């Protein structure tokens, strides 16, 4: 794999060491290993008969020694921690904005509770009635609606209307 560089490296190191024996000790102390000994082993292995010294690394060993493993795993963790939940939250918010209808009880981002009086399908303005007695109304942007006050009430009303249709259907079946 590195056959062309190993012989040059071995020659360079041996030339460097022959000029100054102190350099070899400094290199060994600096890096914690003996470069000359490694270069000799590399040259002997490259010039050898091609017999491998040990068994080839397994798939797991090759995978874990891959330098791209760390950046890829960091990106996956970042994606699962930040990007995916944010996309899910934006999707839920878009569904909420699309499902707003007249007579829904909502709360704005400013904390104002009210009932939707009018809403334009393509417009960006929602009219809220905030006082039942005086009929005070305010206009807010659709994006200012933080959520429904009781979203389960809307689901219960839809379920109740379905359940009220079901007995009529079953009684008609019993009459036959």
Protein backbone atom coordinates (compact mmCIF):
# COMPACT_ATOMS: atom_id res chain seq x y z
CA UNK A 1 0.00 0.00 0.00
CA UNK A 2 2.77 2.46 0.91
CA UNK A 3 5.62 0.67 -0.88
CA UNK A 4 6.86 3.71 -2.75
CA UNK A 5 7.11 5.89 0.36
CA UNK A 6 8.51 3.32 2.79
CA UNK A 7 11.88 2.89 1.11
CA UNK A 8 12.33 6.66 0.79
CA UNK A 9 11.34 7.10 4.41
CA UNK A 10 13.78 4.43 5.55
CA UNK A 11 16.63 6.01 3.56
CA UNK A 12 15.84 9.46 4.92
CA UNK A 13 15.72 8.29 8.50
CA UNK A 14 18.92 6.26 8.25
CA UNK A 15 20.70 9.25 6.64
CA UNK A 16 19.39 11.55 9.36
CA UNK A 17 20.49 9.19 12.11
CA UNK A 18 23.93 8.67 10.57
CA UNK A 19 24.57 12.41 10.72
CA UNK A 20 23.57 12.78 14.32
CA UNK A 21 22.87 10.04 16.86
CA UNK A 22 21.14 12.60 19.06
CA UNK A 23 18.40 13.05 16.45
CA UNK A 24 17.29 9.42 16.77
CA UNK A 25 16.88 9.77 20.54
CA UNK A 26 15.06 13.08 20.15
CA UNK A 27 12.65 11.59 17.61
CA UNK A 28 12.05 8.59 19.84
CA UNK A 29 11.43 10.82 22.84
CA UNK A 30 9.23 13.20 20.90
CA UNK A 31 6.92 10.64 19.34
CA UNK A 32 7.29 7.82 21.84
CA UNK A 33 8.53 5.25 19.30
CA UNK A 34 11.56 4.43 17.28
CA UNK A 35 11.08 5.55 13.67
CA UNK A 36 14.17 3.78 12.41
CA UNK A 37 13.05 0.41 13.74
CA UNK A 38 9.62 0.90 12.20
CA UNK A 39 11.12 1.88 8.86
CA UNK A 40 13.30 -1.25 8.85
CA UNK A 41 10.28 -3.44 9.60
CA UNK A 42 8.29 -1.73 6.86
CA UNK A 43 11.09 -2.20 4.33
CA UNK A 44 11.55 -5.85 5.33
CA UNK A 45 7.80 -6.42 5.03
CA UNK A 46 7.70 -4.73 1.63
CA UNK A 47 10.71 -6.67 0.37
CA UNK A 48 9.51 -9.95 1.88
CA UNK A 49 7.80 -12.76 0.09
CA UNK A 50 4.33 -11.23 0.52
CA UNK A 51 3.30 -13.39 3.48
CA UNK A 52 1.04 -11.50 5.86
CA UNK A 53 2.15 -11.36 9.49
CA UNK A 54 -1.27 -11.96 10.96
CA UNK A 55 -4.85 -12.62 10.03
CA UNK A 56 -6.57 -9.93 8.00
CA UNK A 57 -8.64 -7.51 10.05
CA UNK A 58 -12.30 -8.35 10.44
CA UNK A 59 -15.08 -6.18 9.09
CA UNK A 60 -15.70 -4.62 12.51
CA UNK A 61 -12.02 -3.76 12.91
CA UNK A 62 -11.91 -2.15 9.48
CA UNK A 63 -15.13 -0.26 10.21
CA UNK A 64 -13.89 1.06 13.55
CA UNK A 65 -10.54 2.10 12.09
CA UNK A 66 -12.25 4.16 9.39
CA UNK A 67 -11.46 7.87 9.88
CA UNK A 68 -14.91 8.87 8.64
CA UNK A 69 -16.65 7.03 11.48
CA UNK A 70 -16.37 9.91 13.96
CA UNK A 71 -17.70 12.72 11.71
CA UNK A 72 -20.53 10.54 10.43
CA UNK A 73 -21.55 9.46 13.93
CA UNK A 74 -21.41 13.07 15.16
CA UNK A 75 -23.64 14.16 12.29
CA UNK A 76 -26.14 11.38 13.04
CA UNK A 77 -26.26 12.36 16.71
CA UNK A 78 -26.66 16.03 15.78
CA UNK A 79 -29.45 15.16 13.33
CA UNK A 80 -31.34 13.02 15.83
CA UNK A 81 -30.90 15.56 18.61
CA UNK A 82 -31.63 18.84 16.85
CA UNK A 83 -32.82 18.64 13.25
CA UNK A 84 -35.40 15.82 13.39
CA UNK A 85 -37.34 17.18 16.42
CA UNK A 86 -37.37 20.68 14.90
CA UNK A 87 -38.76 19.35 11.62
CA UNK A 88 -41.42 17.42 13.54
CA UNK A 89 -42.35 20.55 15.52
CA UNK A 90 -42.64 22.65 12.35
CA UNK A 91 -44.81 19.98 10.76
CA UNK A 92 -47.17 19.95 13.75
CA UNK A 93 -47.33 23.76 13.71
CA UNK A 94 -48.19 23.75 10.00
CA UNK A 95 -50.98 21.22 10.65
CA UNK A 96 -52.31 23.42 13.45
CA UNK A 97 -52.33 26.53 11.26
CA UNK A 98 -54.09 24.63 8.48
CA UNK A 99 -56.72 23.23 10.86
CA UNK A 100 -57.75 26.56 12.41
CA UNK A 101 -61.46 27.15 11.93
CA UNK A 102 -64.20 29.48 13.10
CA UNK A 103 -65.25 29.09 16.78
CA UNK A 104 -61.96 27.44 17.81
CA UNK A 105 -60.69 28.60 21.20
CA UNK A 106 -57.05 29.60 20.81
CA UNK A 107 -54.25 31.28 22.72
CA UNK A 108 -51.78 33.65 21.10
CA UNK A 109 -48.03 33.81 21.71
CA UNK A 110 -48.72 36.89 23.85
CA UNK A 111 -51.02 34.85 26.12
CA UNK A 112 -54.33 36.30 24.89
CA UNK A 113 -57.16 33.77 24.94
CA UNK A 114 -59.95 34.16 22.44
CA UNK A 115 -62.35 32.54 20.02
CA UNK A 116 -61.80 32.71 16.28
CA UNK A 117 -64.53 34.83 14.68
CA UNK A 118 -63.20 34.96 11.15
CA UNK A 119 -60.27 33.52 9.33
CA UNK A 120 -59.40 33.83 5.69
CA UNK A 121 -58.12 30.66 4.05
CA UNK A 122 -55.30 32.31 2.10
CA UNK A 123 -54.97 35.42 4.29
CA UNK A 124 -52.60 35.87 7.15
CA UNK A 125 -55.01 37.62 9.56
CA UNK A 126 -57.24 35.98 12.16
CA UNK A 127 -59.95 37.88 14.02
CA UNK A 128 -60.38 36.84 17.65
CA UNK A 129 -63.24 37.65 20.01
CA UNK A 130 -61.63 38.11 23.41
CA UNK A 131 -64.58 39.41 25.46
CA UNK A 132 -67.86 37.51 25.42
CA UNK A 133 -70.00 40.34 26.90
CA UNK A 134 -68.71 43.40 25.05
CA UNK A 135 -67.76 41.53 21.89
CA UNK A 136 -64.24 42.94 21.80
CA UNK A 137 -62.40 41.72 18.74
CA UNK A 138 -58.76 41.90 17.77
CA UNK A 139 -56.92 41.01 14.61
CA UNK A 140 -53.71 39.02 14.89
CA UNK A 141 -51.43 37.29 12.44
CA UNK A 142 -52.05 33.62 11.89
CA UNK A 143 -48.49 32.95 13.03
CA UNK A 144 -49.28 34.60 16.40
CA UNK A 145 -51.62 31.74 17.30
CA UNK A 146 -49.66 29.49 19.64
CA UNK A 147 -52.20 26.70 19.88
CA UNK A 148 -55.68 25.56 20.63
CA UNK A 149 -56.85 26.03 24.21
CA UNK A 150 -58.42 22.58 24.39
CA UNK A 151 -57.47 20.56 21.31
CA UNK A 152 -59.06 17.44 22.79
CA UNK A 153 -62.45 19.21 22.83
CA UNK A 154 -62.36 19.47 19.04
CA UNK A 155 -61.46 15.78 18.78
CA UNK A 156 -64.23 14.89 21.29
CA UNK A 157 -66.76 16.92 19.31
CA UNK A 158 -65.78 15.13 16.11
CA UNK A 159 -65.94 11.78 17.90
CA UNK A 160 -69.32 12.68 19.42
CA UNK A 161 -70.72 13.57 16.01
CA UNK A 162 -69.46 10.24 14.64
CA UNK A 163 -70.96 8.35 17.59
CA UNK A 164 -74.29 10.14 17.14
CA UNK A 165 -74.39 8.98 13.53
CA UNK A 166 -73.50 5.39 14.45
CA UNK A 167 -76.60 4.64 16.63
CA UNK A 168 -78.91 5.88 13.86
CA UNK A 169 -77.22 3.53 11.46
CA UNK A 170 -77.38 0.61 13.87
CA UNK A 171 -81.07 1.25 14.68
CA UNK A 172 -81.85 1.27 10.97
CA UNK A 173 -80.09 -2.06 10.66
CA UNK A 174 -82.06 -3.49 13.64
CA UNK A 175 -85.37 -2.36 12.09
CA UNK A 176 -84.70 -4.43 8.97
